[in-house]
């Protein structure tokens, strides 16, 4: 996932970086002090340790940075443990848009 975020943010391929610390360091440099909106769509990885490695890196962004994660897995939503999981399939289109916009008002 770190590799995909780096490629999306910079257009650079990360194949030449070692899997572990170098990619984390590169992502930290990219996000450090910058305000960002990161959308991770349809996440299925249930490995809590991988999320625990990524989460601190995302906190290096500027105040007001946001990460939105969508998943169909209730277990993954519980692993993230940041906010109460919403189930937008139970909401109408207008309510879904209202929920999305409210994220940006905070």
Protein backbone atom coordinates (compact mmCIF):
# COMPACT_ATOMS: atom_id res chain seq x y z
CA UNK A 1 0.00 0.00 0.00
CA UNK A 2 2.85 2.42 0.79
CA UNK A 3 4.24 1.89 -2.70
CA UNK A 4 0.89 2.76 -4.29
CA UNK A 5 0.52 5.93 -2.20
CA UNK A 6 4.02 7.09 -3.17
CA UNK A 7 3.37 6.43 -6.86
CA UNK A 8 0.05 8.27 -6.72
CA UNK A 9 1.59 11.28 -4.94
CA UNK A 10 4.76 11.61 -7.00
CA UNK A 11 4.37 9.56 -10.14
CA UNK A 12 7.58 7.76 -9.15
CA UNK A 13 7.94 4.02 -9.20
CA UNK A 14 9.28 2.58 -5.97
CA UNK A 15 10.60 -0.68 -7.32
CA UNK A 16 14.15 0.48 -6.61
CA UNK A 17 13.38 1.07 -2.91
CA UNK A 18 13.74 -1.72 -0.39
CA UNK A 19 10.45 -3.03 0.95
CA UNK A 20 10.68 -1.80 4.51
CA UNK A 21 12.22 1.30 5.97
CA UNK A 22 13.13 3.11 2.73
CA UNK A 23 9.53 3.17 1.50
CA UNK A 24 8.29 4.33 4.90
CA UNK A 25 10.93 7.08 4.95
CA UNK A 26 9.98 8.18 1.42
CA UNK A 27 6.28 8.36 2.32
CA UNK A 28 7.10 10.33 5.46
CA UNK A 29 9.11 12.83 3.37
CA UNK A 30 6.23 13.24 0.91
CA UNK A 31 3.58 13.85 3.57
CA UNK A 32 5.68 15.76 6.10
CA UNK A 33 3.95 19.08 6.78
CA UNK A 34 1.74 18.89 3.69
CA UNK A 35 -2.03 18.93 3.77
CA UNK A 36 -3.49 15.98 1.93
CA UNK A 37 -6.64 14.02 1.23
CA UNK A 38 -5.97 10.31 0.87
CA UNK A 39 -8.75 8.00 -0.27
CA UNK A 40 -8.09 4.30 0.18
CA UNK A 41 -10.92 2.58 -1.64
CA UNK A 42 -12.20 -0.95 -1.06
CA UNK A 43 -9.52 -2.05 1.42
CA UNK A 44 -9.64 -5.72 2.35
CA UNK A 45 -6.38 -6.40 4.17
CA UNK A 46 -7.23 -7.76 7.62
CA UNK A 47 -3.64 -7.67 8.86
CA UNK A 48 -3.82 -5.24 11.78
CA UNK A 49 -0.03 -4.96 11.92
CA UNK A 50 0.16 -3.50 8.40
CA UNK A 51 -2.34 -0.79 9.33
CA UNK A 52 -0.45 -0.07 12.56
CA UNK A 53 2.72 0.53 10.48
CA UNK A 54 0.94 2.86 8.03
CA UNK A 55 -1.13 4.87 10.52
CA UNK A 56 1.78 6.79 12.16
CA UNK A 57 3.16 7.73 8.74
CA UNK A 58 -0.15 9.35 7.83
CA UNK A 59 -0.02 11.52 10.94
CA UNK A 60 3.01 13.43 9.61
CA UNK A 61 0.81 15.55 7.32
CA UNK A 62 -0.28 19.09 8.10
CA UNK A 63 -3.26 19.84 10.31
CA UNK A 64 -6.48 19.25 8.40
CA UNK A 65 -5.13 16.29 6.42
CA UNK A 66 -7.71 13.57 5.93
CA UNK A 67 -7.66 9.86 5.18
CA UNK A 68 -10.89 8.23 4.06
CA UNK A 69 -11.02 4.46 3.83
CA UNK A 70 -13.80 2.45 2.26
CA UNK A 71 -14.18 -1.25 2.87
CA UNK A 72 -16.81 -3.93 2.70
CA UNK A 73 -15.18 -5.68 5.62
CA UNK A 74 -16.61 -4.90 9.05
CA UNK A 75 -13.49 -6.56 10.54
CA UNK A 76 -11.18 -4.14 8.72
CA UNK A 77 -13.23 -1.17 9.94
CA UNK A 78 -12.81 -2.45 13.50
CA UNK A 79 -9.04 -2.89 13.01
CA UNK A 80 -8.68 0.74 11.95
CA UNK A 81 -10.31 1.83 15.19
CA UNK A 82 -10.18 5.55 14.42
CA UNK A 83 -13.86 6.48 14.16
CA UNK A 84 -17.13 4.62 14.29
CA UNK A 85 -17.70 2.75 11.05
CA UNK A 86 -20.61 3.96 8.95
CA UNK A 87 -22.52 1.69 6.63
CA UNK A 88 -23.39 3.94 3.67
CA UNK A 89 -25.36 1.20 1.95
CA UNK A 90 -28.07 1.97 4.50
CA UNK A 91 -28.06 5.68 3.64
CA UNK A 92 -29.71 7.42 0.73
CA UNK A 93 -27.62 9.30 -1.85
CA UNK A 94 -28.30 12.68 -0.24
CA UNK A 95 -27.26 11.39 3.19
CA UNK A 96 -24.08 9.84 1.75
CA UNK A 97 -23.10 13.16 0.17
CA UNK A 98 -23.86 14.99 3.40
CA UNK A 99 -21.62 12.57 5.31
CA UNK A 100 -18.83 13.00 2.75
CA UNK A 101 -19.04 16.82 2.86
CA UNK A 102 -19.07 16.86 6.67
CA UNK A 103 -15.58 15.33 6.65
CA UNK A 104 -14.23 18.49 5.00
CA UNK A 105 -15.92 20.92 7.37
CA UNK A 106 -13.92 19.67 10.36
